[in-house]
Amino acid sequence: MKFALKHFFLIFPLLLLGAISCKKEITFSEGIVYLPGNEKVEKQFKAIGVDPKKVASEQLLKSILELKNEGINEKDGSILVYLSSIDLGKAMQAQYKFSDKYDALHAWVASFKTAKTWCDYHLLFKDKIVSFEIEPIQAYKDNVFPDGSFDKVLKYNVYLRKQGEMGKLTSETAYTLVFTGELYKDGDWSRFSISSFEDHGVHKCPIREVDPETEHEIEQIKQRTKELEAEGKL
């Protein structure tokens, strides 16, 4: 009996530690789950008065459902472009030398008609995605005003689990979309939008440089964009 009690008291703290450190995922919707962030990230959100799980369920989930149902399931590239941030659109405009941001967005949609889309978004249609796993990664103040009020920027990783993938997903082991949203000082929200894309640890978007081969593809896509617009398909 003494032997059993001795081992119980040795093992119990380890079991308790495991229970505390192993935070369970929370199902938001079919195929969409929330993974609590690490202690550092949770403190970042708390420091600016935000509950990361509540934000994810009430704000981010809207964009994830659109991504899942209309974008991925329907293989509709225009939805992925629509869900991409304004900054990504501006980056496309600058990298591909478009005079107008909207021309760049139209060309981005047209790139889905080619073998390779900008930012390699076509990869998201390649495999069957069985779940979208949300994890908070960063929260910070933005635009601090004279009265001390401020806007709040909130970021989440969304891991796309492919059929057959097992174990915990990370940005090094999975398709990862970073979604960024902003809570303004007056209480209004921006839409949560895609601010970057990583393919198993390889950075895909924003595009950092354009090679000569891509330059040639750009001209082809520009021409294809004009054709699609003339046909009323854009």
C-alpha atoms as a PDB file:
ATOM      1  CA  MET A   1       0.000   0.000   0.000  1.00  0.00           C
ATOM      2  CA  LYS A   2       2.820   2.382   0.936  1.00  0.00           C
ATOM      3  CA  PHE A   3       4.533   1.511  -2.348  1.00  0.00           C
ATOM      4  CA  ALA A   4       1.383   2.340  -4.312  1.00  0.00           C
ATOM      5  CA  LEU A   5       0.839   5.631  -2.493  1.00  0.00           C
ATOM      6  CA  LYS A   6       4.462   6.610  -2.985  1.00  0.00           C
ATOM      7  CA  HIS A   7       4.216   6.121  -6.732  1.00  0.00           C
ATOM      8  CA  PHE A   8       0.839   7.855  -6.875  1.00  0.00           C
ATOM      9  CA  PHE A   9       2.295  11.001  -5.328  1.00  0.00           C
ATOM     10  CA  LEU A  10       5.221  10.849  -7.752  1.00  0.00           C
ATOM     11  CA  ILE A  11       3.049  10.419 -10.824  1.00  0.00           C
ATOM     12  CA  PHE A  12       0.133  12.726  -9.889  1.00  0.00           C
ATOM     13  CA  PRO A  13       2.037  16.021 -10.414  1.00  0.00           C
ATOM     14  CA  LEU A  14       3.068  14.831 -13.887  1.00  0.00           C
ATOM     15  CA  LEU A  15      -0.514  13.927 -14.765  1.00  0.00           C
ATOM     16  CA  LEU A  16      -1.716  17.294 -13.489  1.00  0.00           C
ATOM     17  CA  LEU A  17       0.937  19.130 -15.507  1.00  0.00           C
ATOM     18  CA  GLY A  18      -0.065  17.214 -18.594  1.00  0.00           C
ATOM     19  CA  ALA A  19      -3.719  18.064 -18.099  1.00  0.00           C
ATOM     20  CA  ILE A  20      -2.915  21.747 -17.729  1.00  0.00           C
ATOM     21  CA  SER A  21      -0.502  21.966 -20.662  1.00  0.00           C
ATOM     22  CA  CYS A  22      -2.593  19.869 -23.061  1.00  0.00           C
ATOM     23  CA  LYS A  23      -5.321  22.298 -24.096  1.00  0.00           C
ATOM     24  CA  LYS A  24      -8.140  20.671 -25.984  1.00  0.00           C
ATOM     25  CA  GLU A  25      -9.232  21.851 -29.393  1.00  0.00           C
ATOM     26  CA  ILE A  26     -12.706  23.368 -29.645  1.00  0.00           C
ATOM     27  CA  THR A  27     -15.022  22.640 -32.568  1.00  0.00           C
ATOM     28  CA  PHE A  28     -16.569  25.801 -34.054  1.00  0.00           C
ATOM     29  CA  SER A  29     -18.259  24.184 -37.037  1.00  0.00           C
ATOM     30  CA  GLU A  30     -17.979  20.984 -39.048  1.00  0.00           C
ATOM     31  CA  GLY A  31     -14.326  20.717 -40.080  1.00  0.00           C
ATOM     32  CA  ILE A  32     -13.307  23.942 -38.300  1.00  0.00           C
ATOM     33  CA  VAL A  33     -11.577  23.776 -34.917  1.00  0.00           C
ATOM     34  CA  TYR A  34      -9.903  26.247 -32.573  1.00  0.00           C
ATOM     35  CA  LEU A  35      -6.548  25.534 -30.931  1.00  0.00           C
ATOM     36  CA  PRO A  36      -5.739  27.686 -27.864  1.00  0.00           C
ATOM     37  CA  GLY A  37      -2.515  29.663 -28.277  1.00  0.00           C
ATOM     38  CA  ASN A  38       0.591  29.303 -26.163  1.00  0.00           C
ATOM     39  CA  GLU A  39       0.911  31.237 -22.904  1.00  0.00           C
ATOM     40  CA  LYS A  40       2.854  34.126 -24.483  1.00  0.00           C
ATOM     41  CA  VAL A  41       0.244  34.672 -27.189  1.00  0.00           C
ATOM     42  CA  GLU A  42      -2.661  34.384 -24.748  1.00  0.00           C
ATOM     43  CA  LYS A  43      -1.014  37.132 -22.643  1.00  0.00           C
ATOM     44  CA  GLN A  44      -0.682  39.382 -25.718  1.00  0.00           C
ATOM     45  CA  PHE A  45      -4.421  39.176 -26.348  1.00  0.00           C
ATOM     46  CA  LYS A  46      -5.256  39.632 -22.674  1.00  0.00           C
ATOM     47  CA  ALA A  47      -2.960  42.685 -22.424  1.00  0.00           C
ATOM     48  CA  ILE A  48      -5.113  44.587 -24.926  1.00  0.00           C
ATOM     49  CA  GLY A  49      -8.403  43.320 -23.516  1.00  0.00           C
ATOM     50  CA  VAL A  50      -9.289  40.733 -26.138  1.00  0.00           C
ATOM     51  CA  ASP A  51     -10.415  37.105 -25.804  1.00  0.00           C
ATOM     52  CA  PRO A  52      -8.773  35.223 -28.719  1.00  0.00           C
ATOM     53  CA  LYS A  53     -11.332  32.396 -28.733  1.00  0.00           C
ATOM     54  CA  LYS A  54     -14.293  34.782 -28.732  1.00  0.00           C
ATOM     55  CA  VAL A  55     -12.809  36.822 -31.583  1.00  0.00           C
ATOM     56  CA  ALA A  56     -12.153  33.658 -33.578  1.00  0.00           C
ATOM     57  CA  SER A  57     -15.716  32.361 -33.104  1.00  0.00           C
ATOM     58  CA  GLU A  58     -17.503  35.682 -33.676  1.00  0.00           C
ATOM     59  CA  GLN A  59     -15.329  37.359 -36.334  1.00  0.00           C
ATOM     60  CA  LEU A  60     -12.695  35.130 -37.942  1.00  0.00           C
ATOM     61  CA  LEU A  61     -15.092  32.209 -38.401  1.00  0.00           C
ATOM     62  CA  LYS A  62     -17.081  34.216 -40.987  1.00  0.00           C
ATOM     63  CA  SER A  63     -14.047  34.370 -43.282  1.00  0.00           C
ATOM     64  CA  ILE A  64     -13.088  30.731 -42.652  1.00  0.00           C
ATOM     65  CA  LEU A  65     -16.579  29.534 -43.592  1.00  0.00           C
ATOM     66  CA  GLU A  66     -16.399  31.531 -46.815  1.00  0.00           C
ATOM     67  CA  LEU A  67     -12.948  30.111 -47.543  1.00  0.00           C
ATOM     68  CA  LYS A  68     -14.104  26.553 -46.827  1.00  0.00           C
ATOM     69  CA  ASN A  69     -17.525  26.489 -48.465  1.00  0.00           C
ATOM     70  CA  GLU A  70     -17.203  28.862 -51.409  1.00  0.00           C
ATOM     71  CA  GLY A  71     -13.456  28.884 -51.999  1.00  0.00           C
ATOM     72  CA  ILE A  72     -11.932  25.471 -51.292  1.00  0.00           C
ATOM     73  CA  ASN A  73     -14.980  23.221 -51.728  1.00  0.00           C
ATOM     74  CA  GLU A  74     -16.118  24.977 -54.914  1.00  0.00           C
ATOM     75  CA  LYS A  75     -12.538  25.522 -56.142  1.00  0.00           C
ATOM     76  CA  ASP A  76     -13.357  29.181 -56.768  1.00  0.00           C
ATOM     77  CA  GLY A  77     -10.149  31.188 -57.035  1.00  0.00           C
ATOM     78  CA  SER A  78     -11.977  34.520 -57.006  1.00  0.00           C
ATOM     79  CA  ILE A  79     -13.036  33.836 -53.398  1.00  0.00           C
ATOM     80  CA  LEU A  80      -9.403  33.370 -52.333  1.00  0.00           C
ATOM     81  CA  VAL A  81      -8.474  36.643 -54.028  1.00  0.00           C
ATOM     82  CA  TYR A  82     -11.471  38.380 -52.423  1.00  0.00           C
ATOM     83  CA  LEU A  83     -10.423  37.081 -48.987  1.00  0.00           C
ATOM     84  CA  SER A  84      -6.849  38.315 -49.460  1.00  0.00           C
ATOM     85  CA  SER A  85      -5.874  41.531 -47.699  1.00  0.00           C
ATOM     86  CA  ILE A  86      -5.646  44.970 -49.297  1.00  0.00           C
ATOM     87  CA  ASP A  87      -1.904  44.895 -48.609  1.00  0.00           C
ATOM     88  CA  LEU A  88      -1.559  41.704 -50.662  1.00  0.00           C
ATOM     89  CA  GLY A  89      -3.425  43.378 -53.517  1.00  0.00           C
ATOM     90  CA  LYS A  90      -1.087  46.357 -53.325  1.00  0.00           C
ATOM     91  CA  ALA A  91       1.915  44.010 -53.274  1.00  0.00           C
ATOM     92  CA  MET A  92       0.656  42.356 -56.475  1.00  0.00           C
ATOM     93  CA  GLN A  93       0.195  45.738 -58.073  1.00  0.00           C
ATOM     94  CA  ALA A  94       3.747  46.789 -57.196  1.00  0.00           C
ATOM     95  CA  GLN A  95       5.454  43.493 -58.060  1.00  0.00           C
ATOM     96  CA  TYR A  96       3.684  43.053 -61.383  1.00  0.00           C
ATOM     97  CA  LYS A  97       3.753  46.746 -62.304  1.00  0.00           C
ATOM     98  CA  PHE A  98       0.045  47.397 -62.672  1.00  0.00           C
ATOM     99  CA  SER A  99      -1.047  51.031 -62.670  1.00  0.00           C
ATOM    100  CA  ASP A 100      -4.267  50.167 -60.829  1.00  0.00           C
ATOM    101  CA  LYS A 101      -4.828  47.842 -57.854  1.00  0.00           C
ATOM    102  CA  TYR A 102      -8.097  46.529 -59.304  1.00  0.00           C
ATOM    103  CA  ASP A 103      -6.393  45.596 -62.570  1.00  0.00           C
ATOM    104  CA  ALA A 104      -3.935  43.570 -60.487  1.00  0.00           C
ATOM    105  CA  LEU A 105      -6.785  41.805 -58.661  1.00  0.00           C
ATOM    106  CA  HIS A 106      -8.519  40.954 -61.948  1.00  0.00           C
ATOM    107  CA  ALA A 107      -5.247  39.563 -63.286  1.00  0.00           C
ATOM    108  CA  TRP A 108      -4.809  37.556 -60.087  1.00  0.00           C
ATOM    109  CA  VAL A 109      -8.208  35.935 -60.639  1.00  0.00           C
ATOM    110  CA  ALA A 110      -7.287  35.326 -64.282  1.00  0.00           C
ATOM    111  CA  SER A 111      -4.114  33.534 -63.164  1.00  0.00           C
ATOM    112  CA  PHE A 112      -6.350  30.673 -61.960  1.00  0.00           C
ATOM    113  CA  LYS A 113      -7.017  29.969 -65.643  1.00  0.00           C
ATOM    114  CA  THR A 114      -3.301  29.210 -66.081  1.00  0.00           C
ATOM    115  CA  ALA A 115      -1.172  26.307 -64.847  1.00  0.00           C
ATOM    116  CA  LYS A 116       0.165  28.300 -61.886  1.00  0.00           C
ATOM    117  CA  THR A 117      -1.650  30.968 -59.900  1.00  0.00           C
ATOM    118  CA  TRP A 118      -0.018  33.929 -58.231  1.00  0.00           C
ATOM    119  CA  CYS A 119       0.982  33.070 -54.663  1.00  0.00           C
ATOM    120  CA  ASP A 120       0.535  29.402 -55.651  1.00  0.00           C
ATOM    121  CA  TYR A 121      -3.050  29.505 -54.400  1.00  0.00           C
ATOM    122  CA  HIS A 122      -3.826  26.636 -56.805  1.00  0.00           C
ATOM    123  CA  LEU A 123      -2.110  24.328 -54.283  1.00  0.00           C
ATOM    124  CA  LEU A 124      -5.117  24.745 -51.998  1.00  0.00           C
ATOM    125  CA  PHE A 125      -7.255  22.982 -54.623  1.00  0.00           C
ATOM    126  CA  LYS A 126      -4.779  20.170 -55.223  1.00  0.00           C
ATOM    127  CA  ASP A 127      -5.557  17.980 -52.189  1.00  0.00           C
ATOM    128  CA  LYS A 128      -8.717  17.252 -50.234  1.00  0.00           C
ATOM    129  CA  ILE A 129      -8.795  19.531 -47.180  1.00  0.00           C
ATOM    130  CA  VAL A 130     -10.541  17.835 -44.257  1.00  0.00           C
ATOM    131  CA  SER A 131     -10.198  20.468 -41.540  1.00  0.00           C
ATOM    132  CA  PHE A 132      -9.286  24.089 -40.898  1.00  0.00           C
ATOM    133  CA  GLU A 133      -7.421  24.562 -37.608  1.00  0.00           C
ATOM    134  CA  ILE A 134      -7.291  28.048 -36.090  1.00  0.00           C
ATOM    135  CA  GLU A 135      -4.518  29.148 -33.726  1.00  0.00           C
ATOM    136  CA  PRO A 136      -3.952  32.696 -32.372  1.00  0.00           C
ATOM    137  CA  ILE A 137      -0.393  33.898 -33.004  1.00  0.00           C
ATOM    138  CA  GLN A 138      -0.154  37.644 -32.310  1.00  0.00           C
ATOM    139  CA  ALA A 139      -2.013  40.674 -30.912  1.00  0.00           C
ATOM    140  CA  TYR A 140      -0.785  44.245 -30.603  1.00  0.00           C
ATOM    141  CA  LYS A 141      -1.801  47.911 -30.397  1.00  0.00           C
ATOM    142  CA  ASP A 142      -1.959  50.026 -33.548  1.00  0.00           C
ATOM    143  CA  ASN A 143      -2.623  53.734 -34.123  1.00  0.00           C
ATOM    144  CA  VAL A 144      -2.408  54.942 -30.521  1.00  0.00           C
ATOM    145  CA  PHE A 145      -4.428  58.165 -30.237  1.00  0.00           C
ATOM    146  CA  PRO A 146      -3.797  61.226 -27.993  1.00  0.00           C
ATOM    147  CA  ASP A 147      -6.572  60.169 -25.610  1.00  0.00           C
ATOM    148  CA  GLY A 148      -4.808  56.840 -25.037  1.00  0.00           C
ATOM    149  CA  SER A 149      -7.248  54.765 -27.092  1.00  0.00           C
ATOM    150  CA  PHE A 150      -5.945  52.515 -29.846  1.00  0.00           C
ATOM    151  CA  ASP A 151      -6.837  50.072 -32.587  1.00  0.00           C
ATOM    152  CA  LYS A 152      -6.046  46.387 -32.073  1.00  0.00           C
ATOM    153  CA  VAL A 153      -4.431  44.106 -34.670  1.00  0.00           C
ATOM    154  CA  LEU A 154      -5.083  40.373 -34.240  1.00  0.00           C
ATOM    155  CA  LYS A 155      -3.450  37.529 -36.156  1.00  0.00           C
ATOM    156  CA  TYR A 156      -4.237  33.830 -36.441  1.00  0.00           C
ATOM    157  CA  ASN A 157      -2.680  30.911 -38.259  1.00  0.00           C
ATOM    158  CA  VAL A 158      -5.185  28.737 -40.088  1.00  0.00           C
ATOM    159  CA  TYR A 159      -3.707  25.307 -40.811  1.00  0.00           C
ATOM    160  CA  LEU A 160      -5.308  23.332 -43.635  1.00  0.00           C
ATOM    161  CA  ARG A 161      -5.206  19.631 -42.822  1.00  0.00           C
ATOM    162  CA  LYS A 162      -5.039  17.428 -45.912  1.00  0.00           C
ATOM    163  CA  GLN A 163      -6.692  14.030 -45.977  1.00  0.00           C
ATOM    164  CA  GLY A 164      -4.320  11.503 -44.414  1.00  0.00           C
ATOM    165  CA  GLU A 165      -2.265  14.038 -42.422  1.00  0.00           C
ATOM    166  CA  MET A 166      -1.872  13.071 -38.774  1.00  0.00           C
ATOM    167  CA  GLY A 167      -0.595  14.778 -35.637  1.00  0.00           C
ATOM    168  CA  LYS A 168      -0.237  18.443 -34.737  1.00  0.00           C
ATOM    169  CA  LEU A 169       0.052  20.823 -37.678  1.00  0.00           C
ATOM    170  CA  THR A 170       2.444  23.776 -37.801  1.00  0.00           C
ATOM    171  CA  SER A 171       3.454  26.297 -40.464  1.00  0.00           C
ATOM    172  CA  GLU A 172       6.395  23.987 -41.191  1.00  0.00           C
ATOM    173  CA  THR A 173       4.245  20.911 -41.820  1.00  0.00           C
ATOM    174  CA  ALA A 174       1.061  22.206 -43.454  1.00  0.00           C
ATOM    175  CA  TYR A 175      -0.523  24.729 -45.773  1.00  0.00           C
ATOM    176  CA  THR A 176      -0.860  27.772 -43.525  1.00  0.00           C
ATOM    177  CA  LEU A 177      -2.863  30.928 -44.143  1.00  0.00           C
ATOM    178  CA  VAL A 178      -2.299  33.875 -41.815  1.00  0.00           C
ATOM    179  CA  PHE A 179      -5.525  35.803 -41.237  1.00  0.00           C
ATOM    180  CA  THR A 180      -5.310  39.353 -39.881  1.00  0.00           C
ATOM    181  CA  GLY A 181      -8.146  41.477 -38.556  1.00  0.00           C
ATOM    182  CA  GLU A 182      -8.433  44.801 -36.776  1.00  0.00           C
ATOM    183  CA  LEU A 183     -10.692  45.996 -33.979  1.00  0.00           C
ATOM    184  CA  TYR A 184     -10.948  49.778 -34.249  1.00  0.00           C
ATOM    185  CA  LYS A 185     -11.106  52.029 -31.219  1.00  0.00           C
ATOM    186  CA  ASP A 186     -14.795  52.785 -31.862  1.00  0.00           C
ATOM    187  CA  GLY A 187     -15.653  49.081 -31.641  1.00  0.00           C
ATOM    188  CA  ASP A 188     -16.034  48.412 -35.363  1.00  0.00           C
ATOM    189  CA  TRP A 189     -14.270  45.455 -36.972  1.00  0.00           C
ATOM    190  CA  SER A 190     -12.392  45.088 -40.212  1.00  0.00           C
ATOM    191  CA  ARG A 191     -12.927  41.855 -42.105  1.00  0.00           C
ATOM    192  CA  PHE A 192     -10.422  39.107 -41.293  1.00  0.00           C
ATOM    193  CA  SER A 193      -8.397  38.602 -44.463  1.00  0.00           C
ATOM    194  CA  ILE A 194      -5.450  36.540 -45.684  1.00  0.00           C
ATOM    195  CA  SER A 195      -2.173  38.397 -45.137  1.00  0.00           C
ATOM    196  CA  SER A 196       0.266  35.594 -46.056  1.00  0.00           C
ATOM    197  CA  PHE A 197       0.487  31.993 -47.256  1.00  0.00           C
ATOM    198  CA  GLU A 198       3.074  29.350 -46.334  1.00  0.00           C
ATOM    199  CA  ASP A 199       3.403  25.974 -48.043  1.00  0.00           C
ATOM    200  CA  HIS A 200       4.954  23.580 -45.502  1.00  0.00           C
ATOM    201  CA  GLY A 201       7.438  26.218 -44.341  1.00  0.00           C
ATOM    202  CA  VAL A 202       8.046  27.716 -47.803  1.00  0.00           C
ATOM    203  CA  HIS A 203       6.911  31.339 -48.036  1.00  0.00           C
ATOM    204  CA  LYS A 204       4.571  31.842 -51.008  1.00  0.00           C
ATOM    205  CA  CYS A 205       2.810  35.136 -50.446  1.00  0.00           C
ATOM    206  CA  PRO A 206       3.367  38.096 -50.401  1.00  0.00           C
ATOM    207  CA  ILE A 207       5.645  37.512 -53.387  1.00  0.00           C
ATOM    208  CA  ARG A 208       9.131  38.730 -52.527  1.00  0.00           C
ATOM    209  CA  GLU A 209      10.687  38.824 -55.975  1.00  0.00           C
ATOM    210  CA  VAL A 210       9.686  38.226 -59.568  1.00  0.00           C
ATOM    211  CA  ASP A 211      11.960  36.102 -61.755  1.00  0.00           C
ATOM    212  CA  PRO A 212      12.290  36.468 -65.567  1.00  0.00           C
ATOM    213  CA  GLU A 213      10.111  33.418 -66.193  1.00  0.00           C
ATOM    214  CA  THR A 214       7.357  34.946 -64.090  1.00  0.00           C
ATOM    215  CA  GLU A 215       7.709  38.233 -65.977  1.00  0.00           C
ATOM    216  CA  HIS A 216       6.787  36.329 -69.150  1.00  0.00           C
ATOM    217  CA  GLU A 217       3.836  34.701 -67.370  1.00  0.00           C
ATOM    218  CA  ILE A 218       2.629  38.137 -66.265  1.00  0.00           C
ATOM    219  CA  GLU A 219       2.354  39.312 -69.853  1.00  0.00           C
ATOM    220  CA  GLN A 220       0.399  36.172 -70.734  1.00  0.00           C
ATOM    221  CA  ILE A 221      -1.916  36.662 -67.770  1.00  0.00           C
ATOM    222  CA  LYS A 222      -2.467  40.320 -68.651  1.00  0.00           C
ATOM    223  CA  GLN A 223      -3.486  39.255 -72.146  1.00  0.00           C
ATOM    224  CA  ARG A 224      -5.730  36.517 -70.754  1.00  0.00           C
ATOM    225  CA  THR A 225      -7.320  39.047 -68.392  1.00  0.00           C
ATOM    226  CA  LYS A 226      -8.265  41.289 -71.307  1.00  0.00           C
ATOM    227  CA  GLU A 227      -9.801  38.318 -73.121  1.00  0.00           C
ATOM    228  CA  LEU A 228     -11.840  37.250 -70.080  1.00  0.00           C
ATOM    229  CA  GLU A 229     -13.050  40.808 -69.505  1.00  0.00           C
ATOM    230  CA  ALA A 230     -14.097  41.052 -73.160  1.00  0.00           C
ATOM    231  CA  GLU A 231     -16.031  37.790 -72.754  1.00  0.00           C
ATOM    232  CA  GLY A 232     -17.703  39.099 -69.590  1.00  0.00           C
ATOM    233  CA  LYS A 233     -16.166  36.377 -67.414  1.00  0.00           C
ATOM    234  CA  LEU A 234     -14.429  38.734 -64.988  1.00  0.00           C
END
